[in-house]
N, C-alpha and C. Protein backbone atom coordinates (compact mmCIF):
# COMPACT_ATOMS: atom_id res chain seq x y z
N UNK A 1 -17.37 36.85 -0.98
CA UNK A 1 -16.55 37.07 -2.15
C UNK A 1 -16.36 38.57 -2.33
N UNK A 2 -15.16 38.99 -2.58
CA UNK A 2 -14.87 40.41 -2.73
C UNK A 2 -15.32 40.89 -4.10
N UNK A 3 -15.52 42.18 -4.21
CA UNK A 3 -15.91 42.75 -5.49
C UNK A 3 -14.86 42.51 -6.55
N UNK A 4 -13.58 42.48 -6.15
CA UNK A 4 -12.50 42.27 -7.13
C UNK A 4 -12.62 40.91 -7.76
N UNK A 5 -12.80 39.86 -6.94
CA UNK A 5 -12.87 38.54 -7.54
C UNK A 5 -14.21 38.31 -8.20
N UNK A 6 -15.26 39.04 -7.75
CA UNK A 6 -16.56 38.90 -8.36
C UNK A 6 -16.50 39.34 -9.82
N UNK A 7 -15.74 40.37 -10.09
CA UNK A 7 -15.65 40.88 -11.45
C UNK A 7 -14.42 40.36 -12.17
N UNK A 8 -13.69 39.44 -11.58
CA UNK A 8 -12.58 38.81 -12.25
C UNK A 8 -11.28 39.60 -12.23
N UNK A 9 -11.18 40.68 -11.44
CA UNK A 9 -9.95 41.46 -11.41
C UNK A 9 -8.78 40.65 -10.87
N UNK A 10 -9.06 39.76 -9.90
CA UNK A 10 -7.98 38.95 -9.36
C UNK A 10 -7.80 37.66 -10.16
N UNK A 11 -8.65 37.44 -11.16
CA UNK A 11 -8.53 36.29 -12.04
C UNK A 11 -7.74 36.72 -13.27
N UNK A 12 -7.19 35.75 -13.99
CA UNK A 12 -6.47 36.11 -15.21
C UNK A 12 -7.34 35.83 -16.43
N UNK A 13 -7.27 36.72 -17.41
CA UNK A 13 -8.09 36.60 -18.62
C UNK A 13 -7.17 36.49 -19.82
N UNK A 14 -7.43 35.50 -20.67
CA UNK A 14 -6.64 35.33 -21.89
C UNK A 14 -7.54 34.76 -22.98
N UNK A 15 -7.59 35.40 -24.12
CA UNK A 15 -8.33 34.95 -25.30
C UNK A 15 -9.77 34.57 -24.97
N UNK A 16 -10.46 35.42 -24.20
CA UNK A 16 -11.86 35.17 -23.90
C UNK A 16 -12.12 34.16 -22.80
N UNK A 17 -11.07 33.61 -22.21
CA UNK A 17 -11.20 32.65 -21.12
C UNK A 17 -10.65 33.29 -19.85
N UNK A 18 -11.48 33.36 -18.82
CA UNK A 18 -11.06 33.93 -17.55
C UNK A 18 -10.71 32.79 -16.60
N UNK A 19 -9.49 32.76 -16.11
CA UNK A 19 -9.07 31.75 -15.14
C UNK A 19 -9.37 32.28 -13.74
N UNK A 20 -10.21 31.55 -13.02
CA UNK A 20 -10.69 32.01 -11.72
C UNK A 20 -9.68 31.73 -10.62
N UNK A 21 -9.62 32.62 -9.64
CA UNK A 21 -8.73 32.39 -8.51
C UNK A 21 -9.39 31.39 -7.54
N UNK A 22 -8.61 30.89 -6.60
CA UNK A 22 -9.08 29.84 -5.68
C UNK A 22 -10.27 30.29 -4.85
N UNK A 23 -10.28 31.55 -4.40
CA UNK A 23 -11.38 32.05 -3.57
C UNK A 23 -12.70 32.01 -4.34
N UNK A 24 -12.67 32.40 -5.61
CA UNK A 24 -13.91 32.38 -6.39
C UNK A 24 -14.33 30.95 -6.70
N UNK A 25 -13.37 30.06 -6.93
CA UNK A 25 -13.71 28.64 -7.15
C UNK A 25 -14.43 28.07 -5.94
N UNK A 26 -13.89 28.34 -4.73
CA UNK A 26 -14.53 27.82 -3.51
C UNK A 26 -15.90 28.45 -3.28
N UNK A 27 -16.05 29.71 -3.64
CA UNK A 27 -17.36 30.34 -3.52
C UNK A 27 -18.38 29.63 -4.39
N UNK A 28 -17.98 29.26 -5.60
CA UNK A 28 -18.88 28.53 -6.50
C UNK A 28 -19.16 27.12 -5.97
N UNK A 29 -18.12 26.46 -5.44
CA UNK A 29 -18.32 25.12 -4.88
C UNK A 29 -19.28 25.13 -3.70
N UNK A 30 -19.27 26.22 -2.93
CA UNK A 30 -20.17 26.31 -1.78
C UNK A 30 -21.56 26.78 -2.15
N UNK A 31 -21.76 27.22 -3.40
CA UNK A 31 -23.06 27.75 -3.81
C UNK A 31 -23.96 26.72 -4.46
N UNK A 32 -23.47 25.52 -4.68
CA UNK A 32 -24.27 24.49 -5.32
C UNK A 32 -24.05 23.16 -4.61
N UNK A 33 -24.87 22.16 -4.91
CA UNK A 33 -24.71 20.87 -4.24
C UNK A 33 -24.78 19.67 -5.19
N UNK A 34 -24.71 19.92 -6.50
CA UNK A 34 -24.71 18.82 -7.46
C UNK A 34 -23.46 18.93 -8.33
N UNK A 35 -22.69 17.84 -8.43
CA UNK A 35 -21.49 17.83 -9.25
C UNK A 35 -21.24 16.45 -9.82
N UNK A 36 -20.08 16.29 -10.45
CA UNK A 36 -19.70 15.00 -11.05
C UNK A 36 -18.38 14.54 -10.44
N UNK A 37 -18.42 13.33 -9.89
CA UNK A 37 -17.25 12.73 -9.25
C UNK A 37 -16.63 11.73 -10.21
N UNK A 38 -15.37 11.95 -10.59
CA UNK A 38 -14.65 11.07 -11.50
C UNK A 38 -13.66 10.23 -10.70
N UNK A 39 -13.75 8.91 -10.87
CA UNK A 39 -12.89 7.96 -10.16
C UNK A 39 -12.26 7.00 -11.16
N UNK A 40 -11.26 6.26 -10.71
CA UNK A 40 -10.61 5.26 -11.54
C UNK A 40 -11.04 3.87 -11.05
N UNK A 41 -11.54 3.05 -11.97
CA UNK A 41 -11.99 1.70 -11.62
C UNK A 41 -10.80 0.79 -11.35
N UNK A 42 -11.09 -0.39 -10.82
CA UNK A 42 -10.04 -1.37 -10.51
C UNK A 42 -9.23 -1.72 -11.75
N UNK A 43 -9.90 -1.77 -12.94
CA UNK A 43 -9.19 -2.13 -14.18
C UNK A 43 -8.48 -0.94 -14.82
N UNK A 44 -8.51 0.23 -14.17
CA UNK A 44 -7.81 1.41 -14.68
C UNK A 44 -8.65 2.31 -15.56
N UNK A 45 -9.87 1.91 -15.87
CA UNK A 45 -10.75 2.74 -16.70
C UNK A 45 -11.42 3.82 -15.85
N UNK A 46 -11.71 4.95 -16.44
CA UNK A 46 -12.38 6.02 -15.67
C UNK A 46 -13.87 5.74 -15.50
N UNK A 47 -14.44 6.30 -14.45
CA UNK A 47 -15.87 6.21 -14.21
C UNK A 47 -16.31 7.56 -13.65
N UNK A 48 -17.54 7.94 -13.89
CA UNK A 48 -18.01 9.25 -13.43
C UNK A 48 -19.43 9.11 -12.87
N UNK A 49 -19.70 9.85 -11.79
CA UNK A 49 -20.96 9.75 -11.08
C UNK A 49 -21.52 11.14 -10.80
N UNK A 50 -22.78 11.39 -11.13
CA UNK A 50 -23.40 12.63 -10.65
C UNK A 50 -23.73 12.44 -9.17
N UNK A 51 -23.33 13.40 -8.33
CA UNK A 51 -23.51 13.24 -6.88
C UNK A 51 -23.91 14.57 -6.24
N UNK A 52 -24.61 14.46 -5.11
CA UNK A 52 -24.83 15.62 -4.24
C UNK A 52 -23.63 15.69 -3.31
N UNK A 53 -23.24 16.91 -2.92
CA UNK A 53 -22.03 17.06 -2.11
C UNK A 53 -22.14 18.31 -1.24
N UNK A 54 -21.24 18.39 -0.27
CA UNK A 54 -21.05 19.63 0.49
C UNK A 54 -19.56 19.94 0.50
N UNK A 55 -19.24 21.24 0.48
CA UNK A 55 -17.85 21.70 0.59
C UNK A 55 -17.63 22.14 2.03
N UNK A 56 -16.51 21.67 2.61
CA UNK A 56 -16.22 22.02 4.01
C UNK A 56 -14.71 22.00 4.24
N UNK A 57 -14.16 23.13 4.64
CA UNK A 57 -12.75 23.26 5.03
C UNK A 57 -11.77 22.60 4.06
N UNK A 58 -11.87 22.93 2.79
CA UNK A 58 -10.91 22.46 1.79
C UNK A 58 -11.15 21.06 1.28
N UNK A 59 -12.30 20.48 1.58
CA UNK A 59 -12.64 19.14 1.09
C UNK A 59 -14.09 19.11 0.62
N UNK A 60 -14.40 18.11 -0.17
CA UNK A 60 -15.77 17.87 -0.62
C UNK A 60 -16.23 16.55 -0.01
N UNK A 61 -17.46 16.50 0.46
CA UNK A 61 -18.01 15.31 1.11
C UNK A 61 -19.22 14.82 0.33
N UNK A 62 -19.25 13.50 0.10
CA UNK A 62 -20.30 12.87 -0.68
C UNK A 62 -20.85 11.69 0.12
N UNK A 63 -22.16 11.56 0.20
CA UNK A 63 -22.76 10.37 0.80
C UNK A 63 -22.92 9.31 -0.28
N UNK A 64 -22.73 8.05 0.09
CA UNK A 64 -22.83 6.97 -0.89
C UNK A 64 -23.33 5.69 -0.24
N UNK A 65 -23.84 4.80 -1.05
CA UNK A 65 -24.23 3.47 -0.60
C UNK A 65 -22.99 2.58 -0.65
N UNK A 66 -23.14 1.32 -0.25
CA UNK A 66 -22.04 0.36 -0.41
C UNK A 66 -22.04 -0.03 -1.89
N UNK A 67 -21.31 0.74 -2.68
CA UNK A 67 -21.38 0.55 -4.13
C UNK A 67 -20.00 0.67 -4.76
N UNK A 68 -19.99 0.86 -6.08
CA UNK A 68 -18.74 0.88 -6.83
C UNK A 68 -17.83 2.05 -6.44
N UNK A 69 -18.37 3.17 -5.97
CA UNK A 69 -17.51 4.29 -5.59
C UNK A 69 -16.54 3.88 -4.47
N UNK A 70 -17.05 3.16 -3.49
CA UNK A 70 -16.18 2.69 -2.39
C UNK A 70 -15.13 1.71 -2.91
N UNK A 71 -15.52 0.84 -3.81
CA UNK A 71 -14.58 -0.12 -4.40
C UNK A 71 -13.50 0.60 -5.21
N UNK A 72 -13.91 1.59 -5.99
CA UNK A 72 -12.95 2.33 -6.82
C UNK A 72 -11.89 3.01 -5.96
N UNK A 73 -12.31 3.72 -4.89
CA UNK A 73 -11.31 4.45 -4.10
C UNK A 73 -10.46 3.51 -3.25
N UNK A 74 -10.94 2.28 -3.02
CA UNK A 74 -10.10 1.31 -2.31
C UNK A 74 -8.91 0.90 -3.18
N UNK A 75 -9.10 0.86 -4.51
CA UNK A 75 -8.02 0.45 -5.43
C UNK A 75 -7.22 1.64 -5.96
N UNK A 76 -7.91 2.75 -6.21
CA UNK A 76 -7.25 3.96 -6.75
C UNK A 76 -7.79 5.16 -5.97
N UNK A 77 -7.16 5.55 -4.88
CA UNK A 77 -7.68 6.62 -4.03
C UNK A 77 -7.41 8.04 -4.57
N UNK A 78 -7.76 8.26 -5.83
CA UNK A 78 -7.63 9.58 -6.44
C UNK A 78 -8.97 9.95 -7.07
N UNK A 79 -9.23 11.25 -7.17
CA UNK A 79 -10.50 11.69 -7.73
C UNK A 79 -10.36 13.03 -8.41
N UNK A 80 -11.29 13.28 -9.30
CA UNK A 80 -11.51 14.62 -9.85
C UNK A 80 -12.99 14.91 -9.66
N UNK A 81 -13.30 16.17 -9.45
CA UNK A 81 -14.68 16.56 -9.19
C UNK A 81 -14.96 17.81 -9.98
N UNK A 82 -16.11 17.89 -10.66
CA UNK A 82 -16.40 19.04 -11.51
C UNK A 82 -17.81 19.55 -11.29
N UNK A 83 -17.93 20.88 -11.26
CA UNK A 83 -19.23 21.53 -11.29
C UNK A 83 -19.20 22.55 -12.41
N UNK A 84 -20.36 22.91 -12.93
CA UNK A 84 -20.41 23.97 -13.94
C UNK A 84 -21.76 24.65 -13.88
N UNK A 85 -21.86 25.76 -14.54
CA UNK A 85 -23.11 26.51 -14.56
C UNK A 85 -23.02 27.66 -15.54
N UNK A 86 -24.06 28.44 -15.54
CA UNK A 86 -24.08 29.59 -16.44
C UNK A 86 -24.91 30.72 -15.85
N UNK A 87 -24.58 31.90 -16.28
CA UNK A 87 -25.34 33.10 -15.95
C UNK A 87 -25.75 33.72 -17.27
N UNK A 88 -26.42 34.85 -17.21
CA UNK A 88 -26.80 35.54 -18.45
C UNK A 88 -25.56 36.01 -19.22
N UNK A 89 -24.45 36.23 -18.49
CA UNK A 89 -23.24 36.77 -19.13
C UNK A 89 -22.19 35.74 -19.49
N UNK A 90 -22.18 34.58 -18.79
CA UNK A 90 -21.05 33.65 -18.97
C UNK A 90 -21.41 32.22 -18.61
N UNK A 91 -20.55 31.33 -19.04
CA UNK A 91 -20.58 29.93 -18.61
C UNK A 91 -19.30 29.70 -17.81
N UNK A 92 -19.34 28.79 -16.82
CA UNK A 92 -18.18 28.58 -15.96
C UNK A 92 -18.06 27.10 -15.57
N UNK A 93 -16.86 26.75 -15.13
CA UNK A 93 -16.56 25.38 -14.69
C UNK A 93 -15.49 25.44 -13.61
N UNK A 94 -15.65 24.58 -12.59
CA UNK A 94 -14.65 24.45 -11.52
C UNK A 94 -14.30 22.98 -11.39
N UNK A 95 -13.01 22.67 -11.29
CA UNK A 95 -12.53 21.29 -11.15
C UNK A 95 -11.65 21.19 -9.91
N UNK A 96 -11.91 20.15 -9.11
CA UNK A 96 -11.12 19.85 -7.91
C UNK A 96 -10.44 18.51 -8.15
N UNK A 97 -9.16 18.41 -7.79
CA UNK A 97 -8.43 17.14 -7.89
C UNK A 97 -7.76 16.84 -6.56
N UNK A 98 -7.74 15.55 -6.19
CA UNK A 98 -7.07 15.18 -4.94
C UNK A 98 -7.41 13.77 -4.51
N UNK A 99 -6.85 13.35 -3.39
CA UNK A 99 -7.11 12.00 -2.90
C UNK A 99 -8.54 11.84 -2.38
N UNK A 100 -9.08 10.65 -2.54
CA UNK A 100 -10.42 10.32 -2.06
C UNK A 100 -10.30 9.21 -1.02
N UNK A 101 -11.11 9.31 0.04
CA UNK A 101 -11.07 8.30 1.10
C UNK A 101 -12.44 8.19 1.75
N UNK A 102 -12.71 7.02 2.30
CA UNK A 102 -13.93 6.83 3.07
C UNK A 102 -13.72 7.48 4.44
N UNK A 103 -14.73 8.21 4.91
CA UNK A 103 -14.65 8.88 6.21
C UNK A 103 -15.29 7.96 7.25
N UNK A 104 -14.55 7.67 8.32
CA UNK A 104 -15.06 6.81 9.39
C UNK A 104 -15.22 7.54 10.71
N UNK A 105 -14.77 8.77 10.79
CA UNK A 105 -14.86 9.55 12.03
C UNK A 105 -16.23 10.21 12.13
N UNK A 106 -16.99 9.86 13.16
CA UNK A 106 -18.31 10.48 13.37
C UNK A 106 -18.17 11.99 13.57
N UNK A 107 -17.13 12.42 14.26
CA UNK A 107 -16.92 13.85 14.50
C UNK A 107 -16.72 14.59 13.18
N UNK A 108 -15.93 14.03 12.27
CA UNK A 108 -15.70 14.67 10.97
C UNK A 108 -16.98 14.70 10.15
N UNK A 109 -17.74 13.62 10.19
CA UNK A 109 -19.00 13.57 9.45
C UNK A 109 -19.96 14.64 9.96
N UNK A 110 -20.07 14.77 11.28
CA UNK A 110 -20.95 15.81 11.85
C UNK A 110 -20.46 17.21 11.48
N UNK A 111 -19.17 17.46 11.62
CA UNK A 111 -18.62 18.79 11.35
C UNK A 111 -18.78 19.19 9.88
N UNK A 112 -18.70 18.23 8.96
CA UNK A 112 -18.78 18.54 7.53
C UNK A 112 -20.18 18.97 7.10
N UNK A 113 -21.20 18.52 7.83
CA UNK A 113 -22.57 18.84 7.45
C UNK A 113 -23.14 17.90 6.40
N UNK A 114 -22.40 16.87 6.04
CA UNK A 114 -22.85 15.96 4.98
C UNK A 114 -24.10 15.18 5.39
N UNK A 115 -24.35 15.00 6.67
CA UNK A 115 -25.55 14.28 7.11
C UNK A 115 -26.82 15.05 6.75
N UNK A 116 -26.75 16.36 6.68
CA UNK A 116 -27.92 17.17 6.33
C UNK A 116 -28.17 17.20 4.82
N UNK A 117 -27.22 16.68 4.06
CA UNK A 117 -27.34 16.71 2.60
C UNK A 117 -28.43 15.74 2.15
N UNK A 118 -29.37 16.22 1.38
CA UNK A 118 -30.40 15.31 0.85
C UNK A 118 -29.98 14.89 -0.55
N UNK A 119 -30.07 13.61 -0.81
CA UNK A 119 -29.67 13.05 -2.10
C UNK A 119 -30.85 13.00 -3.05
N UNK A 120 -30.59 13.15 -4.32
CA UNK A 120 -31.64 13.01 -5.32
C UNK A 120 -31.93 11.54 -5.60
N UNK A 121 -31.02 10.66 -5.21
CA UNK A 121 -31.18 9.22 -5.44
C UNK A 121 -32.01 8.60 -4.31
N UNK A 122 -32.89 7.65 -4.64
CA UNK A 122 -33.69 7.01 -3.59
C UNK A 122 -32.89 5.98 -2.77
N UNK A 123 -31.68 5.62 -3.22
CA UNK A 123 -30.86 4.63 -2.52
C UNK A 123 -30.39 5.18 -1.18
N UNK A 124 -30.43 4.35 -0.13
CA UNK A 124 -29.95 4.77 1.19
C UNK A 124 -28.44 4.94 1.13
N UNK A 125 -27.96 6.06 1.69
CA UNK A 125 -26.54 6.40 1.64
C UNK A 125 -25.98 6.39 3.07
N UNK A 126 -25.36 5.28 3.45
CA UNK A 126 -24.85 5.12 4.81
C UNK A 126 -23.37 5.42 4.96
N UNK A 127 -22.67 5.71 3.85
CA UNK A 127 -21.22 5.92 3.88
C UNK A 127 -20.90 7.32 3.38
N UNK A 128 -19.71 7.80 3.74
CA UNK A 128 -19.27 9.13 3.33
C UNK A 128 -17.89 9.04 2.70
N UNK A 129 -17.72 9.73 1.58
CA UNK A 129 -16.42 9.84 0.90
C UNK A 129 -15.98 11.29 0.98
N UNK A 130 -14.70 11.48 1.27
CA UNK A 130 -14.10 12.82 1.29
C UNK A 130 -13.10 12.94 0.15
N UNK A 131 -13.19 14.01 -0.62
CA UNK A 131 -12.18 14.35 -1.62
C UNK A 131 -11.44 15.57 -1.08
N UNK A 132 -10.16 15.39 -0.74
CA UNK A 132 -9.34 16.49 -0.22
C UNK A 132 -8.75 17.24 -1.40
N UNK A 133 -9.02 18.52 -1.48
CA UNK A 133 -8.59 19.32 -2.63
C UNK A 133 -7.09 19.59 -2.59
N UNK A 134 -6.35 19.01 -3.52
CA UNK A 134 -4.94 19.34 -3.70
C UNK A 134 -4.77 20.38 -4.80
N UNK A 135 -5.74 20.43 -5.73
CA UNK A 135 -5.72 21.42 -6.80
C UNK A 135 -7.16 21.84 -7.09
N UNK A 136 -7.36 23.15 -7.23
CA UNK A 136 -8.68 23.69 -7.55
C UNK A 136 -8.48 24.69 -8.69
N UNK A 137 -9.16 24.47 -9.80
CA UNK A 137 -9.05 25.38 -10.94
C UNK A 137 -10.44 25.72 -11.45
N UNK A 138 -10.57 26.88 -12.05
CA UNK A 138 -11.86 27.28 -12.60
C UNK A 138 -11.68 28.19 -13.79
N UNK A 139 -12.66 28.14 -14.68
CA UNK A 139 -12.64 29.00 -15.87
C UNK A 139 -14.03 29.56 -16.12
N UNK A 140 -14.06 30.75 -16.68
CA UNK A 140 -15.32 31.38 -17.08
C UNK A 140 -15.18 31.80 -18.53
N UNK A 141 -16.23 31.55 -19.31
CA UNK A 141 -16.25 31.90 -20.73
C UNK A 141 -17.38 32.91 -20.94
N UNK A 142 -17.04 34.10 -21.37
CA UNK A 142 -18.05 35.14 -21.60
C UNK A 142 -18.91 34.76 -22.79
N UNK A 143 -20.21 35.01 -22.68
CA UNK A 143 -21.12 34.79 -23.81
C UNK A 143 -20.95 35.93 -24.80
N UNK A 144 -20.97 35.60 -26.08
CA UNK A 144 -20.91 36.62 -27.13
C UNK A 144 -22.21 36.54 -27.91
N UNK A 145 -23.17 37.43 -27.64
CA UNK A 145 -24.47 37.34 -28.31
C UNK A 145 -24.33 37.47 -29.82
N UNK A 146 -24.97 36.54 -30.52
CA UNK A 146 -25.00 36.58 -31.97
C UNK A 146 -23.70 36.20 -32.65
N UNK A 147 -22.69 35.80 -31.87
CA UNK A 147 -21.40 35.44 -32.48
C UNK A 147 -21.13 33.96 -32.24
N UNK A 148 -21.14 33.20 -33.30
CA UNK A 148 -20.86 31.79 -33.19
C UNK A 148 -20.01 31.37 -34.38
N UNK A 149 -18.81 30.90 -34.11
CA UNK A 149 -17.92 30.49 -35.18
C UNK A 149 -18.12 29.02 -35.47
N UNK A 150 -18.24 28.65 -36.75
CA UNK A 150 -18.43 27.24 -37.08
C UNK A 150 -17.16 26.44 -36.79
N UNK A 151 -17.34 25.18 -36.47
CA UNK A 151 -16.19 24.30 -36.27
C UNK A 151 -15.56 24.00 -37.62
N UNK A 152 -14.25 23.99 -37.65
CA UNK A 152 -13.54 23.66 -38.88
C UNK A 152 -12.81 22.34 -38.68
N UNK A 153 -12.71 21.53 -39.74
CA UNK A 153 -12.00 20.25 -39.57
C UNK A 153 -10.53 20.48 -39.33
N UNK A 154 -9.91 19.56 -38.58
CA UNK A 154 -8.47 19.61 -38.38
C UNK A 154 -7.78 19.33 -39.70
N UNK A 155 -6.55 19.83 -39.86
CA UNK A 155 -5.80 19.62 -41.10
C UNK A 155 -5.57 18.14 -41.36
N UNK A 156 -5.45 17.33 -40.29
CA UNK A 156 -5.19 15.90 -40.47
C UNK A 156 -6.46 15.12 -40.75
N UNK A 157 -7.61 15.78 -40.77
CA UNK A 157 -8.88 15.12 -40.99
C UNK A 157 -8.94 14.61 -42.43
N UNK A 158 -9.26 13.32 -42.61
CA UNK A 158 -9.30 12.71 -43.94
C UNK A 158 -10.40 13.33 -44.79
N UNK A 159 -11.43 13.92 -44.17
CA UNK A 159 -12.52 14.51 -44.94
C UNK A 159 -12.18 15.91 -45.43
N UNK A 160 -11.10 16.50 -44.92
CA UNK A 160 -10.72 17.83 -45.36
C UNK A 160 -10.08 17.75 -46.74
N UNK A 161 -10.36 18.73 -47.59
CA UNK A 161 -9.76 18.69 -48.93
C UNK A 161 -8.26 18.90 -48.84
N UNK A 162 -7.49 18.23 -49.72
CA UNK A 162 -6.04 18.39 -49.69
C UNK A 162 -5.67 19.82 -50.05
N UNK A 163 -4.62 20.32 -49.40
CA UNK A 163 -4.18 21.69 -49.67
C UNK A 163 -2.87 21.73 -50.43
N UNK A 164 -2.19 20.58 -50.56
CA UNK A 164 -0.88 20.60 -51.22
C UNK A 164 -0.91 20.00 -52.62
N UNK A 165 -2.10 19.69 -53.14
CA UNK A 165 -2.19 19.16 -54.49
C UNK A 165 -1.81 17.71 -54.62
N UNK A 166 -1.43 17.05 -53.55
CA UNK A 166 -1.03 15.65 -53.61
C UNK A 166 -2.22 14.71 -53.67
N UNK A 167 -1.93 13.43 -53.88
CA UNK A 167 -2.96 12.40 -53.95
C UNK A 167 -3.27 11.94 -52.53
N UNK A 168 -4.47 12.26 -52.04
CA UNK A 168 -4.84 11.96 -50.66
C UNK A 168 -6.04 11.02 -50.62
N UNK A 169 -5.95 9.90 -51.32
CA UNK A 169 -7.06 8.95 -51.30
C UNK A 169 -7.16 8.29 -49.95
N UNK A 170 -8.34 7.95 -49.59
CA UNK A 170 -8.59 7.25 -48.33
C UNK A 170 -7.97 5.86 -48.40
N UNK A 171 -7.57 5.33 -47.25
CA UNK A 171 -7.03 3.96 -47.20
C UNK A 171 -8.08 2.94 -47.62
N UNK A 172 -9.36 3.30 -47.54
CA UNK A 172 -10.42 2.39 -47.93
C UNK A 172 -10.58 2.32 -49.44
N UNK A 173 -9.97 3.26 -50.19
CA UNK A 173 -10.06 3.26 -51.65
C UNK A 173 -9.11 2.20 -52.21
N UNK A 174 -9.64 1.37 -53.11
CA UNK A 174 -8.82 0.32 -53.72
C UNK A 174 -7.84 0.95 -54.70
N UNK A 175 -6.54 0.59 -54.60
CA UNK A 175 -5.56 1.19 -55.51
C UNK A 175 -5.73 0.67 -56.94
N UNK A 176 -5.23 1.48 -57.88
CA UNK A 176 -5.23 1.07 -59.29
C UNK A 176 -4.25 -0.10 -59.45
N UNK A 177 -4.58 -1.07 -60.33
CA UNK A 177 -3.63 -2.18 -60.53
C UNK A 177 -2.35 -1.68 -61.19
N UNK A 178 -1.25 -2.34 -60.87
CA UNK A 178 0.05 -2.00 -61.45
C UNK A 178 0.09 -2.58 -62.86
N UNK A 179 0.44 -1.76 -63.88
CA UNK A 179 0.51 -2.30 -65.25
C UNK A 179 1.60 -3.36 -65.34
N UNK A 180 1.33 -4.41 -66.10
CA UNK A 180 2.33 -5.46 -66.25
C UNK A 180 2.24 -6.07 -67.64
N UNK A 181 3.31 -6.73 -68.03
CA UNK A 181 3.39 -7.41 -69.33
C UNK A 181 3.25 -8.91 -69.09
N UNK A 182 2.70 -9.60 -70.08
CA UNK A 182 2.63 -11.06 -69.98
C UNK A 182 4.04 -11.61 -70.14
N UNK A 183 4.31 -12.75 -69.52
CA UNK A 183 5.65 -13.32 -69.68
C UNK A 183 5.92 -13.65 -71.14
N UNK A 184 7.19 -13.50 -71.55
CA UNK A 184 7.54 -13.82 -72.94
C UNK A 184 7.58 -15.34 -73.10
N UNK A 185 7.21 -15.81 -74.30
CA UNK A 185 7.22 -17.28 -74.53
C UNK A 185 8.65 -17.81 -74.50
N UNK A 186 8.83 -18.99 -73.97
CA UNK A 186 10.14 -19.65 -73.88
C UNK A 186 10.21 -20.79 -74.88
N UNK A 187 11.38 -21.06 -75.31
CA UNK A 187 11.59 -22.19 -76.24
C UNK A 187 11.48 -23.48 -75.47
N UNK A 188 11.28 -24.59 -76.14
CA UNK A 188 11.18 -25.87 -75.45
C UNK A 188 12.41 -26.17 -74.60
N UNK A 189 13.55 -25.64 -74.88
CA UNK A 189 14.76 -25.92 -74.12
C UNK A 189 14.81 -25.06 -72.88
N UNK A 190 13.82 -24.19 -72.68
CA UNK A 190 13.79 -23.35 -71.51
C UNK A 190 14.49 -22.04 -71.71
N UNK A 191 14.91 -21.76 -72.93
CA UNK A 191 15.56 -20.51 -73.18
C UNK A 191 14.61 -19.52 -73.83
N UNK A 192 14.80 -18.27 -73.54
CA UNK A 192 14.00 -17.26 -74.19
C UNK A 192 14.45 -17.12 -75.63
N UNK A 193 13.54 -16.86 -76.58
CA UNK A 193 13.97 -16.68 -77.97
C UNK A 193 14.88 -15.49 -78.10
N UNK A 194 15.77 -15.56 -79.06
CA UNK A 194 16.72 -14.46 -79.31
C UNK A 194 16.06 -13.28 -79.93
């Protein structure tokens, strides 16, 4: 990693958030081996897995058992992958997005180095999944010692006090009854008295 990207000169900074360039994102991806793999289930709902991984030539490789991850990518071959961390000066996050596929080539498995990856899970991992990076983004947030701003409610929050002086009762509040008069007595002929 060059000194320029190490100090964020080649990254863009806006409102305290530094957007990392691709080279720095890949450097971070290669410096750790634990991340979160997000997949789409057969029913369309998201699922997320903490996994050990290796980065190799623009892809991430994960060892897995014959489990739901293989089923998910068979139905929806897309993935997102996230790592994060912190230093004394900042917190950071890197996200990779792209297609996911089971790797069946022994040559690719050997070249990736995924066989040397030790898993934290005791389950035997006989299969390999590759996430090919189509997009890689990263952000760094500088720590501000002693500065912490409290969260404020959104304007649309029902618990926030009204600012326009209007009546903002909760929908759970029972409304006041509408005033009404008793019906006027009718004569035996069905006519109202004059």
